[in-house]
PDB file of N, CA and C in Angstrom:
ATOM      1  N   MET A   1      69.565  26.920  58.544  1.00  0.00           N
ATOM      2  CA  MET A   1      69.845  27.035  57.125  1.00  0.00           C
ATOM      3  C   MET A   1      70.139  28.475  56.736  1.00  0.00           C
ATOM      4  N   ASN A   2      69.361  29.387  57.327  1.00  0.00           N
ATOM      5  CA  ASN A   2      69.546  30.804  57.050  1.00  0.00           C
ATOM      6  C   ASN A   2      70.929  31.265  57.506  1.00  0.00           C
ATOM      7  N   ASN A   3      71.388  30.737  58.657  1.00  0.00           N
ATOM      8  CA  ASN A   3      72.697  31.079  59.186  1.00  0.00           C
ATOM      9  C   ASN A   3      73.801  30.608  58.235  1.00  0.00           C
ATOM     10  N   LEU A   4      73.634  29.435  57.669  1.00  0.00           N
ATOM     11  CA  LEU A   4      74.602  28.897  56.719  1.00  0.00           C
ATOM     12  C   LEU A   4      74.681  29.770  55.469  1.00  0.00           C
ATOM     13  N   LEU A   5      73.532  30.240  55.006  1.00  0.00           N
ATOM     14  CA  LEU A   5      73.491  31.123  53.841  1.00  0.00           C
ATOM     15  C   LEU A   5      74.202  32.441  54.132  1.00  0.00           C
ATOM     16  N   GLU A   6      73.992  32.971  55.339  1.00  0.00           N
ATOM     17  CA  GLU A   6      74.659  34.223  55.725  1.00  0.00           C
ATOM     18  C   GLU A   6      76.170  34.017  55.775  1.00  0.00           C
ATOM     19  N   LYS A   7      76.620  32.894  56.294  1.00  0.00           N
ATOM     20  CA  LYS A   7      78.050  32.590  56.353  1.00  0.00           C
ATOM     21  C   LYS A   7      78.640  32.509  54.946  1.00  0.00           C
ATOM     22  N   ALA A   8      77.930  31.859  54.047  1.00  0.00           N
ATOM     23  CA  ALA A   8      78.403  31.734  52.664  1.00  0.00           C
ATOM     24  C   ALA A   8      78.506  33.111  52.009  1.00  0.00           C
ATOM     25  N   LYS A   9      77.510  33.953  52.231  1.00  0.00           N
ATOM     26  CA  LYS A   9      77.542  35.314  51.674  1.00  0.00           C
ATOM     27  C   LYS A   9      78.719  36.089  52.247  1.00  0.00           C
ATOM     28  N   SER A  10      78.921  35.949  53.536  1.00  0.00           N
ATOM     29  CA  SER A  10      80.020  36.651  54.204  1.00  0.00           C
ATOM     30  C   SER A  10      81.367  36.206  53.651  1.00  0.00           C
ATOM     31  N   MET A  11      81.535  34.904  53.493  1.00  0.00           N
ATOM     32  CA  MET A  11      82.791  34.371  52.964  1.00  0.00           C
ATOM     33  C   MET A  11      83.025  34.804  51.524  1.00  0.00           C
ATOM     34  N   SER A  12      81.977  34.838  50.714  1.00  0.00           N
ATOM     35  CA  SER A  12      82.146  35.267  49.322  1.00  0.00           C
ATOM     36  C   SER A  12      82.525  36.740  49.269  1.00  0.00           C
ATOM     37  N   LYS A  13      81.987  37.541  50.178  1.00  0.00           N
ATOM     38  CA  LYS A  13      82.344  38.962  50.233  1.00  0.00           C
ATOM     39  C   LYS A  13      83.815  39.126  50.609  1.00  0.00           C
ATOM     40  N   VAL A  14      84.289  38.310  51.548  1.00  0.00           N
ATOM     41  CA  VAL A  14      85.692  38.366  51.960  1.00  0.00           C
ATOM     42  C   VAL A  14      86.594  38.025  50.777  1.00  0.00           C
ATOM     43  N   VAL A  15      86.215  36.998  50.023  1.00  0.00           N
ATOM     44  CA  VAL A  15      87.024  36.582  48.863  1.00  0.00           C
ATOM     45  C   VAL A  15      87.040  37.688  47.813  1.00  0.00           C
ATOM     46  N   VAL A  16      85.888  38.290  47.546  1.00  0.00           N
ATOM     47  CA  VAL A  16      85.810  39.369  46.548  1.00  0.00           C
ATOM     48  C   VAL A  16      86.626  40.564  47.012  1.00  0.00           C
ATOM     49  N   ASP A  17      86.486  40.947  48.293  1.00  0.00           N
ATOM     50  CA  ASP A  17      87.238  42.085  48.825  1.00  0.00           C
ATOM     51  C   ASP A  17      88.735  41.826  48.782  1.00  0.00           C
ATOM     52  N   SER A  18      89.135  40.618  49.098  1.00  0.00           N
ATOM     53  CA  SER A  18      90.549  40.250  49.054  1.00  0.00           C
ATOM     54  C   SER A  18      91.091  40.340  47.640  1.00  0.00           C
ATOM     55  N   GLY A  19      90.324  39.849  46.691  1.00  0.00           N
ATOM     56  CA  GLY A  19      90.729  39.944  45.287  1.00  0.00           C
ATOM     57  C   GLY A  19      90.802  41.378  44.825  1.00  0.00           C
ATOM     58  N   SER A  20      89.875  42.202  45.275  1.00  0.00           N
ATOM     59  CA  SER A  20      89.856  43.619  44.918  1.00  0.00           C
ATOM     60  C   SER A  20      91.099  44.321  45.452  1.00  0.00           C
ATOM     61  N   LYS A  21      91.446  44.033  46.713  1.00  0.00           N
ATOM     62  CA  LYS A  21      92.643  44.643  47.304  1.00  0.00           C
ATOM     63  C   LYS A  21      93.901  44.201  46.581  1.00  0.00           C
ATOM     64  N   THR A  22      93.966  42.936  46.229  1.00  0.00           N
ATOM     65  CA  THR A  22      95.130  42.420  45.507  1.00  0.00           C
ATOM     66  C   THR A  22      95.265  43.097  44.149  1.00  0.00           C
ATOM     67  N   MET A  23      94.136  43.279  43.473  1.00  0.00           N
ATOM     68  CA  MET A  23      94.171  43.948  42.173  1.00  0.00           C
ATOM     69  C   MET A  23      94.646  45.403  42.327  1.00  0.00           C
ATOM     70  N   LEU A  24      94.174  46.091  43.357  1.00  0.00           N
ATOM     71  CA  LEU A  24      94.586  47.470  43.587  1.00  0.00           C
ATOM     72  C   LEU A  24      96.086  47.549  43.883  1.00  0.00           C
ATOM     73  N   LYS A  25      96.578  46.619  44.710  1.00  0.00           N
ATOM     74  CA  LYS A  25      98.006  46.598  45.026  1.00  0.00           C
ATOM     75  C   LYS A  25      98.832  46.351  43.769  1.00  0.00           C
ATOM     76  N   THR A  26      98.360  45.449  42.908  1.00  0.00           N
ATOM     77  CA  THR A  26      99.056  45.159  41.660  1.00  0.00           C
ATOM     78  C   THR A  26      99.067  46.386  40.754  1.00  0.00           C
ATOM     79  N   ASP A  27      97.936  47.063  40.664  1.00  0.00           N
ATOM     80  CA  ASP A  27      97.861  48.289  39.866  1.00  0.00           C
ATOM     81  C   ASP A  27      98.847  49.334  40.367  1.00  0.00           C
ATOM     82  N   ILE A  28      98.950  49.467  41.685  1.00  0.00           N
ATOM     83  CA  ILE A  28      99.860  50.452  42.266  1.00  0.00           C
ATOM     84  C   ILE A  28     101.307  50.113  41.923  1.00  0.00           C
ATOM     85  N   VAL A  29     101.665  48.830  42.019  1.00  0.00           N
ATOM     86  CA  VAL A  29     103.031  48.407  41.684  1.00  0.00           C
ATOM     87  C   VAL A  29     103.355  48.751  40.230  1.00  0.00           C
ATOM     88  N   PHE A  30     102.420  48.472  39.325  1.00  0.00           N
ATOM     89  CA  PHE A  30     102.656  48.775  37.908  1.00  0.00           C
ATOM     90  C   PHE A  30     102.768  50.284  37.684  1.00  0.00           C
ATOM     91  N   LEU A  31     101.955  51.059  38.355  1.00  0.00           N
ATOM     92  CA  LEU A  31     102.012  52.513  38.200  1.00  0.00           C
ATOM     93  C   LEU A  31     103.317  53.077  38.763  1.00  0.00           C
ATOM     94  N   GLU A  32     103.766  52.533  39.890  1.00  0.00           N
ATOM     95  CA  GLU A  32     105.050  52.977  40.446  1.00  0.00           C
ATOM     96  C   GLU A  32     106.202  52.626  39.507  1.00  0.00           C
ATOM     97  N   ARG A  33     106.103  51.489  38.862  1.00  0.00           N
ATOM     98  CA  ARG A  33     107.115  51.115  37.869  1.00  0.00           C
ATOM     99  C   ARG A  33     107.086  52.078  36.687  1.00  0.00           C
ATOM    100  N   GLU A  34     105.886  52.508  36.316  1.00  0.00           N
ATOM    101  CA  GLU A  34     105.735  53.465  35.219  1.00  0.00           C
ATOM    102  C   GLU A  34     106.391  54.803  35.577  1.00  0.00           C
ATOM    103  N   VAL A  35     106.263  55.228  36.832  1.00  0.00           N
ATOM    104  CA  VAL A  35     106.931  56.461  37.278  1.00  0.00           C
ATOM    105  C   VAL A  35     108.447  56.305  37.152  1.00  0.00           C
ATOM    106  N   LYS A  36     108.960  55.179  37.614  1.00  0.00           N
ATOM    107  CA  LYS A  36     110.399  54.944  37.554  1.00  0.00           C
ATOM    108  C   LYS A  36     110.887  54.938  36.101  1.00  0.00           C
ATOM    109  N   THR A  37     110.132  54.288  35.244  1.00  0.00           N
ATOM    110  CA  THR A  37     110.494  54.235  33.833  1.00  0.00           C
ATOM    111  C   THR A  37     110.512  55.630  33.217  1.00  0.00           C
ATOM    112  N   ARG A  38     109.520  56.455  33.589  1.00  0.00           N
ATOM    113  CA  ARG A  38     109.454  57.818  33.041  1.00  0.00           C
ATOM    114  C   ARG A  38     110.626  58.658  33.521  1.00  0.00           C
ATOM    115  N   LYS A  39     111.031  58.465  34.787  1.00  0.00           N
ATOM    116  CA  LYS A  39     112.196  59.196  35.305  1.00  0.00           C
ATOM    117  C   LYS A  39     113.467  58.754  34.598  1.00  0.00           C
ATOM    118  N   GLN A  40     113.574  57.476  34.319  1.00  0.00           N
ATOM    119  CA  GLN A  40     114.748  56.986  33.594  1.00  0.00           C
ATOM    120  C   GLN A  40     114.782  57.558  32.181  1.00  0.00           C
ATOM    121  N   LYS A  41     113.625  57.596  31.541  1.00  0.00           N
ATOM    122  CA  LYS A  41     113.534  58.167  30.191  1.00  0.00           C
ATOM    123  C   LYS A  41     113.937  59.638  30.216  1.00  0.00           C
ATOM    124  N   PHE A  42     113.496  60.347  31.250  1.00  0.00           N
ATOM    125  CA  PHE A  42     113.861  61.753  31.399  1.00  0.00           C
ATOM    126  C   PHE A  42     115.376  61.910  31.513  1.00  0.00           C
ATOM    127  N   GLY A  43     116.009  61.040  32.301  1.00  0.00           N
ATOM    128  CA  GLY A  43     117.465  61.102  32.445  1.00  0.00           C
ATOM    129  C   GLY A  43     118.178  60.933  31.121  1.00  0.00           C
ATOM    130  N   VAL A  44     117.715  59.996  30.325  1.00  0.00           N
ATOM    131  CA  VAL A  44     118.313  59.775  29.005  1.00  0.00           C
ATOM    132  C   VAL A  44     118.076  60.991  28.102  1.00  0.00           C
ATOM    133  N   GLU A  45     116.835  61.533  28.143  1.00  0.00           N
ATOM    134  CA  GLU A  45     116.519  62.716  27.337  1.00  0.00           C
ATOM    135  C   GLU A  45     117.437  63.890  27.697  1.00  0.00           C
ATOM    136  N   ILE A  46     117.600  64.131  28.984  1.00  0.00           N
ATOM    137  CA  ILE A  46     118.421  65.258  29.438  1.00  0.00           C
ATOM    138  C   ILE A  46     119.884  65.039  29.050  1.00  0.00           C
ATOM    139  N   TYR A  47     120.373  63.836  29.226  1.00  0.00           N
ATOM    140  CA  TYR A  47     121.759  63.563  28.859  1.00  0.00           C
ATOM    141  C   TYR A  47     121.979  63.848  27.378  1.00  0.00           C
ATOM    142  N   ASP A  48     121.098  63.281  26.540  1.00  0.00           N
ATOM    143  CA  ASP A  48     121.225  63.494  25.095  1.00  0.00           C
ATOM    144  C   ASP A  48     121.094  64.982  24.750  1.00  0.00           C
ATOM    145  N   LEU A  49     120.162  65.662  25.382  1.00  0.00           N
ATOM    146  CA  LEU A  49     119.944  67.076  25.122  1.00  0.00           C
ATOM    147  C   LEU A  49     121.156  67.906  25.529  1.00  0.00           C
ATOM    148  N   MET A  50     121.712  67.617  26.683  1.00  0.00           N
ATOM    149  CA  MET A  50     122.876  68.372  27.141  1.00  0.00           C
ATOM    150  C   MET A  50     124.103  68.096  26.270  1.00  0.00           C
ATOM    151  N   ALA A  51     124.240  66.861  25.831  1.00  0.00           N
ATOM    152  CA  ALA A  51     125.353  66.536  24.932  1.00  0.00           C
ATOM    153  C   ALA A  51     125.211  67.304  23.615  1.00  0.00           C
ATOM    154  N   GLN A  52     123.988  67.382  23.112  1.00  0.00           N
ATOM    155  CA  GLN A  52     123.717  68.108  21.872  1.00  0.00           C
ATOM    156  C   GLN A  52     123.946  69.609  22.079  1.00  0.00           C
ATOM    157  N   LEU A  53     123.493  70.137  23.198  1.00  0.00           N
ATOM    158  CA  LEU A  53     123.632  71.567  23.461  1.00  0.00           C
ATOM    159  C   LEU A  53     125.078  71.966  23.716  1.00  0.00           C
ATOM    160  N   GLU A  54     125.883  71.047  24.217  1.00  0.00           N
ATOM    161  CA  GLU A  54     127.297  71.328  24.456  1.00  0.00           C
ATOM    162  C   GLU A  54     128.033  71.550  23.148  1.00  0.00           C
ATOM    163  N   VAL A  55     127.632  70.820  22.129  1.00  0.00           N
ATOM    164  CA  VAL A  55     128.270  70.924  20.816  1.00  0.00           C
ATOM    165  C   VAL A  55     127.728  72.122  20.039  1.00  0.00           C
ATOM    166  N   ASP A  56     126.447  72.434  20.205  1.00  0.00           N
ATOM    167  CA  ASP A  56     125.785  73.500  19.449  1.00  0.00           C
ATOM    168  C   ASP A  56     126.080  74.850  20.096  1.00  0.00           C
ATOM    169  N   ASP A  57     127.045  75.586  19.490  1.00  0.00           N
ATOM    170  CA  ASP A  57     127.424  76.890  20.026  1.00  0.00           C
ATOM    171  C   ASP A  57     126.543  78.009  19.504  1.00  0.00           C
ATOM    172  N   GLY A  58     125.651  77.714  18.578  1.00  0.00           N
ATOM    173  CA  GLY A  58     124.803  78.744  17.983  1.00  0.00           C
ATOM    174  C   GLY A  58     123.644  79.164  18.865  1.00  0.00           C
ATOM    175  N   MET A  59     123.414  78.486  19.973  1.00  0.00           N
ATOM    176  CA  MET A  59     122.288  78.802  20.847  1.00  0.00           C
ATOM    177  C   MET A  59     122.762  79.579  22.072  1.00  0.00           C
ATOM    178  N   SER A  60     121.911  80.467  22.530  1.00  0.00           N
ATOM    179  CA  SER A  60     122.227  81.204  23.746  1.00  0.00           C
ATOM    180  C   SER A  60     121.990  80.310  24.954  1.00  0.00           C
ATOM    181  N   VAL A  61     122.498  80.722  26.085  1.00  0.00           N
ATOM    182  CA  VAL A  61     122.320  79.965  27.327  1.00  0.00           C
ATOM    183  C   VAL A  61     120.832  79.888  27.675  1.00  0.00           C
ATOM    184  N   ASP A  62     120.115  80.967  27.455  1.00  0.00           N
ATOM    185  CA  ASP A  62     118.677  80.968  27.739  1.00  0.00           C
ATOM    186  C   ASP A  62     117.929  79.963  26.878  1.00  0.00           C
ATOM    187  N   GLU A  63     118.301  79.850  25.618  1.00  0.00           N
ATOM    188  CA  GLU A  63     117.649  78.881  24.727  1.00  0.00           C
ATOM    189  C   GLU A  63     117.954  77.455  25.178  1.00  0.00           C
ATOM    190  N   LYS A  64     119.204  77.215  25.595  1.00  0.00           N
ATOM    191  CA  LYS A  64     119.582  75.889  26.089  1.00  0.00           C
ATOM    192  C   LYS A  64     118.808  75.558  27.365  1.00  0.00           C
ATOM    193  N   GLU A  65     118.732  76.511  28.279  1.00  0.00           N
ATOM    194  CA  GLU A  65     117.982  76.288  29.519  1.00  0.00           C
ATOM    195  C   GLU A  65     116.504  76.066  29.217  1.00  0.00           C
ATOM    196  N   GLY A  66     115.979  76.747  28.217  1.00  0.00           N
ATOM    197  CA  GLY A  66     114.577  76.583  27.830  1.00  0.00           C
ATOM    198  C   GLY A  66     114.284  75.173  27.346  1.00  0.00           C
ATOM    199  N   LYS A  67     115.202  74.605  26.572  1.00  0.00           N
ATOM    200  CA  LYS A  67     115.005  73.239  26.086  1.00  0.00           C
ATOM    201  C   LYS A  67     115.041  72.239  27.253  1.00  0.00           C
ATOM    202  N   ILE A  68     115.962  72.455  28.164  1.00  0.00           N
ATOM    203  CA  ILE A  68     116.054  71.576  29.326  1.00  0.00           C
ATOM    204  C   ILE A  68     114.790  71.709  30.171  1.00  0.00           C
ATOM    205  N   ARG A  69     114.343  72.928  30.403  1.00  0.00           N
ATOM    206  CA  ARG A  69     113.140  73.180  31.202  1.00  0.00           C
ATOM    207  C   ARG A  69     111.924  72.540  30.548  1.00  0.00           C
ATOM    208  N   LEU A  70     111.819  72.627  29.236  1.00  0.00           N
ATOM    209  CA  LEU A  70     110.693  72.020  28.518  1.00  0.00           C
ATOM    210  C   LEU A  70     110.658  70.515  28.734  1.00  0.00           C
ATOM    211  N   SER A  71     111.820  69.883  28.653  1.00  0.00           N
ATOM    212  CA  SER A  71     111.889  68.434  28.858  1.00  0.00           C
ATOM    213  C   SER A  71     111.503  68.078  30.296  1.00  0.00           C
ATOM    214  N   PHE A  72     111.986  68.864  31.259  1.00  0.00           N
ATOM    215  CA  PHE A  72     111.646  68.616  32.662  1.00  0.00           C
ATOM    216  C   PHE A  72     110.153  68.798  32.912  1.00  0.00           C
ATOM    217  N   ASP A  73     109.585  69.873  32.373  1.00  0.00           N
ATOM    218  CA  ASP A  73     108.160  70.140  32.583  1.00  0.00           C
ATOM    219  C   ASP A  73     107.289  69.017  32.028  1.00  0.00           C
ATOM    220  N   GLN A  74     107.663  68.490  30.875  1.00  0.00           N
ATOM    221  CA  GLN A  74     106.898  67.388  30.277  1.00  0.00           C
ATOM    222  C   GLN A  74     106.986  66.138  31.150  1.00  0.00           C
ATOM    223  N   ALA A  75     108.183  65.843  31.633  1.00  0.00           N
ATOM    224  CA  ALA A  75     108.366  64.661  32.496  1.00  0.00           C
ATOM    225  C   ALA A  75     107.582  64.835  33.799  1.00  0.00           C
ATOM    226  N   ARG A  76     107.656  66.021  34.369  1.00  0.00           N
ATOM    227  CA  ARG A  76     106.936  66.276  35.621  1.00  0.00           C
ATOM    228  C   ARG A  76     105.431  66.135  35.420  1.00  0.00           C
ATOM    229  N   LYS A  77     104.918  66.651  34.295  1.00  0.00           N
ATOM    230  CA  LYS A  77     103.482  66.537  34.001  1.00  0.00           C
ATOM    231  C   LYS A  77     103.074  65.067  33.893  1.00  0.00           C
ATOM    232  N   ASP A  78     103.869  64.274  33.198  1.00  0.00           N
ATOM    233  CA  ASP A  78     103.577  62.844  33.047  1.00  0.00           C
ATOM    234  C   ASP A  78     103.572  62.139  34.404  1.00  0.00           C
ATOM    235  N   ILE A  79     104.545  62.466  35.244  1.00  0.00           N
ATOM    236  CA  ILE A  79     104.661  61.822  36.550  1.00  0.00           C
ATOM    237  C   ILE A  79     103.518  62.233  37.459  1.00  0.00           C
ATOM    238  N   VAL A  80     103.090  63.490  37.396  1.00  0.00           N
ATOM    239  CA  VAL A  80     101.966  63.957  38.221  1.00  0.00           C
ATOM    240  C   VAL A  80     100.695  63.194  37.864  1.00  0.00           C
ATOM    241  N   VAL A  81     100.478  62.948  36.586  1.00  0.00           N
ATOM    242  CA  VAL A  81      99.295  62.189  36.154  1.00  0.00           C
ATOM    243  C   VAL A  81      99.341  60.763  36.704  1.00  0.00           C
ATOM    244  N   ILE A  82     100.494  60.127  36.593  1.00  0.00           N
ATOM    245  CA  ILE A  82     100.635  58.754  37.101  1.00  0.00           C
ATOM    246  C   ILE A  82     100.475  58.741  38.620  1.00  0.00           C
ATOM    247  N   GLN A  83     101.071  59.725  39.306  1.00  0.00           N
ATOM    248  CA  GLN A  83     100.970  59.774  40.763  1.00  0.00           C
ATOM    249  C   GLN A  83      99.530  59.970  41.209  1.00  0.00           C
ATOM    250  N   ALA A  84      98.759  60.729  40.445  1.00  0.00           N
ATOM    251  CA  ALA A  84      97.328  60.908  40.776  1.00  0.00           C
ATOM    252  C   ALA A  84      96.593  59.572  40.686  1.00  0.00           C
ATOM    253  N   LYS A  85      96.948  58.755  39.715  1.00  0.00           N
ATOM    254  CA  LYS A  85      96.347  57.431  39.592  1.00  0.00           C
ATOM    255  C   LYS A  85      96.724  56.558  40.790  1.00  0.00           C
ATOM    256  N   ILE A  86      97.990  56.651  41.215  1.00  0.00           N
ATOM    257  CA  ILE A  86      98.444  55.877  42.384  1.00  0.00           C
ATOM    258  C   ILE A  86      97.663  56.308  43.620  1.00  0.00           C
ATOM    259  N   ASP A  87      97.537  57.611  43.816  1.00  0.00           N
ATOM    260  CA  ASP A  87      96.809  58.125  44.977  1.00  0.00           C
ATOM    261  C   ASP A  87      95.356  57.671  44.963  1.00  0.00           C
ATOM    262  N   SER A  88      94.757  57.648  43.779  1.00  0.00           N
ATOM    263  CA  SER A  88      93.373  57.205  43.647  1.00  0.00           C
ATOM    264  C   SER A  88      93.235  55.732  44.046  1.00  0.00           C
ATOM    265  N   LYS A  89      94.165  54.910  43.600  1.00  0.00           N
ATOM    266  CA  LYS A  89      94.143  53.480  43.950  1.00  0.00           C
ATOM    267  C   LYS A  89      94.322  53.294  45.456  1.00  0.00           C
ATOM    268  N   LYS A  90      95.225  54.080  46.058  1.00  0.00           N
ATOM    269  CA  LYS A  90      95.444  53.978  47.505  1.00  0.00           C
ATOM    270  C   LYS A  90      94.191  54.407  48.264  1.00  0.00           C
ATOM    271  N   ASP A  91      93.513  55.436  47.779  1.00  0.00           N
ATOM    272  CA  ASP A  91      92.254  55.868  48.402  1.00  0.00           C
ATOM    273  C   ASP A  91      91.207  54.757  48.332  1.00  0.00           C
ATOM    274  N   GLU A  92      91.120  54.092  47.183  1.00  0.00           N
ATOM    275  CA  GLU A  92      90.174  52.974  47.033  1.00  0.00           C
ATOM    276  C   GLU A  92      90.487  51.875  48.046  1.00  0.00           C
ATOM    277  N   MET A  93      91.780  51.575  48.221  1.00  0.00           N
ATOM    278  CA  MET A  93      92.168  50.545  49.184  1.00  0.00           C
ATOM    279  C   MET A  93      91.775  50.958  50.599  1.00  0.00           C
ATOM    280  N   THR A  94      92.014  52.213  50.943  1.00  0.00           N
ATOM    281  CA  THR A  94      91.676  52.707  52.277  1.00  0.00           C
ATOM    282  C   THR A  94      90.175  52.618  52.509  1.00  0.00           C
ATOM    283  N   LYS A  95      89.389  53.023  51.517  1.00  0.00           N
ATOM    284  CA  LYS A  95      87.937  52.955  51.652  1.00  0.00           C
ATOM    285  C   LYS A  95      87.479  51.513  51.834  1.00  0.00           C
ATOM    286  N   THR A  96      88.071  50.596  51.108  1.00  0.00           N
ATOM    287  CA  THR A  96      87.726  49.184  51.227  1.00  0.00           C
ATOM    288  C   THR A  96      88.055  48.667  52.624  1.00  0.00           C
ATOM    289  N   GLU A  97      89.215  49.078  53.137  1.00  0.00           N
ATOM    290  CA  GLU A  97      89.622  48.634  54.479  1.00  0.00           C
ATOM    291  C   GLU A  97      88.695  49.211  55.544  1.00  0.00           C
ATOM    292  N   VAL A  98      88.276  50.466  55.375  1.00  0.00           N
ATOM    293  CA  VAL A  98      87.375  51.078  56.345  1.00  0.00           C
ATOM    294  C   VAL A  98      86.025  50.379  56.333  1.00  0.00           C
ATOM    295  N   VAL A  99      85.513  50.082  55.145  1.00  0.00           N
ATOM    296  CA  VAL A  99      84.241  49.375  55.037  1.00  0.00           C
ATOM    297  C   VAL A  99      84.365  47.992  55.656  1.00  0.00           C
ATOM    298  N   ASP A 100      85.475  47.296  55.412  1.00  0.00           N
ATOM    299  CA  ASP A 100      85.694  45.976  55.997  1.00  0.00           C
ATOM    300  C   ASP A 100      85.742  46.056  57.526  1.00  0.00           C
ATOM    301  N   ALA A 101      86.447  47.040  58.036  1.00  0.00           N
ATOM    302  CA  ALA A 101      86.552  47.194  59.489  1.00  0.00           C
ATOM    303  C   ALA A 101      85.189  47.495  60.088  1.00  0.00           C
ATOM    304  N   PHE A 102      84.418  48.343  59.423  1.00  0.00           N
ATOM    305  CA  PHE A 102      83.094  48.693  59.914  1.00  0.00           C
ATOM    306  C   PHE A 102      82.172  47.482  59.895  1.00  0.00           C
ATOM    307  N   SER A 103      82.186  46.746  58.796  1.00  0.00           N
ATOM    308  CA  SER A 103      81.275  45.601  58.696  1.00  0.00           C
ATOM    309  C   SER A 103      81.680  44.485  59.656  1.00  0.00           C
ATOM    310  N   SER A 104      82.974  44.328  59.913  1.00  0.00           N
ATOM    311  CA  SER A 104      83.379  43.288  60.863  1.00  0.00           C
ATOM    312  C   SER A 104      83.111  43.719  62.294  1.00  0.00           C
ATOM    313  N   SER A 105      83.118  45.054  62.565  1.00  0.00           N
ATOM    314  CA  SER A 105      82.829  45.504  63.921  1.00  0.00           C
ATOM    315  C   SER A 105      81.344  45.499  64.218  1.00  0.00           C
ATOM    316  N   SER A 106      80.529  45.388  63.197  1.00  0.00           N
ATOM    317  CA  SER A 106      79.093  45.367  63.421  1.00  0.00           C
ATOM    318  C   SER A 106      78.609  44.013  63.952  1.00  0.00           C
ATOM    319  N   THR A 107      79.481  43.008  63.904  1.00  0.00           N
ATOM    320  CA  THR A 107      79.120  41.734  64.518  1.00  0.00           C
ATOM    321  C   THR A 107      79.227  41.902  66.017  1.00  0.00           C
ATOM    322  N   ASN A 108      78.584  41.046  66.758  1.00  0.00           N
ATOM    323  CA  ASN A 108      78.559  41.238  68.202  1.00  0.00           C
ATOM    324  C   ASN A 108      79.659  40.466  68.924  1.00  0.00           C
ATOM    325  N   GLY A 109      80.660  39.994  68.229  1.00  0.00           N
ATOM    326  CA  GLY A 109      81.750  39.270  68.864  1.00  0.00           C
ATOM    327  C   GLY A 109      83.080  39.765  68.334  1.00  0.00           C
ATOM    328  N   ALA A 110      84.145  39.138  68.789  1.00  0.00           N
ATOM    329  CA  ALA A 110      85.468  39.476  68.314  1.00  0.00           C
ATOM    330  C   ALA A 110      85.630  38.942  66.894  1.00  0.00           C
ATOM    331  N   PRO A 111      86.581  39.495  66.127  1.00  0.00           N
ATOM    332  CA  PRO A 111      86.786  38.994  64.765  1.00  0.00           C
ATOM    333  C   PRO A 111      87.038  37.499  64.754  1.00  0.00           C
ATOM    334  N   GLY A 112      86.318  36.783  63.940  1.00  0.00           N
ATOM    335  CA  GLY A 112      86.480  35.344  63.819  1.00  0.00           C
ATOM    336  C   GLY A 112      85.681  34.557  64.850  1.00  0.00           C
ATOM    337  N   VAL A 113      85.000  35.264  65.750  1.00  0.00           N
ATOM    338  CA  VAL A 113      84.204  34.591  66.780  1.00  0.00           C
ATOM    339  C   VAL A 113      82.747  34.961  66.556  1.00  0.00           C
ATOM    340  N   GLU A 114      81.927  33.962  66.419  1.00  0.00           N
ATOM    341  CA  GLU A 114      80.514  34.228  66.209  1.00  0.00           C
ATOM    342  C   GLU A 114      79.752  33.968  67.502  1.00  0.00           C
ATOM    343  N   VAL A 115      78.999  34.976  67.912  1.00  0.00           N
ATOM    344  CA  VAL A 115      78.197  34.867  69.125  1.00  0.00           C
ATOM    345  C   VAL A 115      76.753  34.688  68.690  1.00  0.00           C
ATOM    346  N   PRO A 116      76.095  33.642  69.144  1.00  0.00           N
ATOM    347  CA  PRO A 116      74.711  33.424  68.744  1.00  0.00           C
ATOM    348  C   PRO A 116      73.826  34.621  69.121  1.00  0.00           C
ATOM    349  N   ALA A 117      72.832  34.878  68.320  1.00  0.00           N
ATOM    350  CA  ALA A 117      71.950  36.014  68.539  1.00  0.00           C
ATOM    351  C   ALA A 117      71.182  35.882  69.848  1.00  0.00           C
ATOM    352  N   ASP A 118      70.892  34.678  70.295  1.00  0.00           N
ATOM    353  CA  ASP A 118      70.122  34.487  71.519  1.00  0.00           C
ATOM    354  C   ASP A 118      71.015  34.337  72.760  1.00  0.00           C
ATOM    355  N   HIS A 119      72.302  34.627  72.630  1.00  0.00           N
ATOM    356  CA  HIS A 119      73.242  34.464  73.746  1.00  0.00           C
ATOM    357  C   HIS A 119      72.947  35.474  74.853  1.00  0.00           C
ATOM    358  N   GLN A 120      72.911  34.986  76.089  1.00  0.00           N
ATOM    359  CA  GLN A 120      72.735  35.839  77.259  1.00  0.00           C
ATOM    360  C   GLN A 120      73.999  35.727  78.101  1.00  0.00           C
ATOM    361  N   PRO A 121      74.642  36.844  78.426  1.00  0.00           N
ATOM    362  CA  PRO A 121      75.852  36.760  79.247  1.00  0.00           C
ATOM    363  C   PRO A 121      75.511  36.237  80.641  1.00  0.00           C
ATOM    364  N   ALA A 122      76.501  35.611  81.250  1.00  0.00           N
ATOM    365  CA  ALA A 122      76.294  35.064  82.594  1.00  0.00           C
ATOM    366  C   ALA A 122      76.127  36.195  83.585  1.00  0.00           C
ATOM    367  N   ALA A 123      75.376  35.949  84.625  1.00  0.00           N
ATOM    368  CA  ALA A 123      75.169  36.955  85.671  1.00  0.00           C
ATOM    369  C   ALA A 123      76.462  37.133  86.441  1.00  0.00           C
ATOM    370  N   ALA A 124      76.759  38.355  86.797  1.00  0.00           N
ATOM    371  CA  ALA A 124      77.974  38.642  87.536  1.00  0.00           C
ATOM    372  C   ALA A 124      77.745  38.406  89.019  1.00  0.00           C
ATOM    373  N   THR A 125      78.728  37.848  89.664  1.00  0.00           N
ATOM    374  CA  THR A 125      78.650  37.603  91.098  1.00  0.00           C
ATOM    375  C   THR A 125      79.728  38.432  91.776  1.00  0.00           C
ATOM    376  N   ILE A 126      79.333  39.195  92.752  1.00  0.00           N
ATOM    377  CA  ILE A 126      80.271  40.023  93.464  1.00  0.00           C
ATOM    378  C   ILE A 126      80.626  39.307  94.778  1.00  0.00           C
ATOM    379  N   VAL A 127      81.903  39.077  94.965  1.00  0.00           N
ATOM    380  CA  VAL A 127      82.376  38.393  96.177  1.00  0.00           C
ATOM    381  C   VAL A 127      83.016  39.425  97.065  1.00  0.00           C
ATOM    382  N   THR A 128      82.561  39.476  98.319  1.00  0.00           N
ATOM    383  CA  THR A 128      83.165  40.404  99.271  1.00  0.00           C
ATOM    384  C   THR A 128      83.721  39.603 100.429  1.00  0.00           C
ATOM    385  N   ASP A 129      84.779  40.041 101.010  1.00  0.00           N
ATOM    386  CA  ASP A 129      85.395  39.359 102.157  1.00  0.00           C
ATOM    387  C   ASP A 129      85.027  40.019 103.438  1.00  0.00           C
TER     388      ASP A 129
END
């Protein structure tokens, strides 16, 4: 009965870990999409800004470059924040995988094979000719 309870606990842990990994992967996909969206927004901002600066002759080249640089710096800052979140999620996944590998290697058999605790290996016989 105790063995059955341990199996049930083990299976529930596998299900929870699997769900956790799936959630992390989903979060990463959404964050990567957010990076892409921010880059697209930056492209539109720069295009509009350059079109406006092309018409505006009252500004010096340095002022025009400053506006472009400001837009780029803001986009880069936003992307760095999102990328840090992605890296954090990937680290969580790696830690989960390491814990899973460690806990599965602590069993005394191959993955998916249960060896009874009272199992004694067969004696080896050496044959010589």
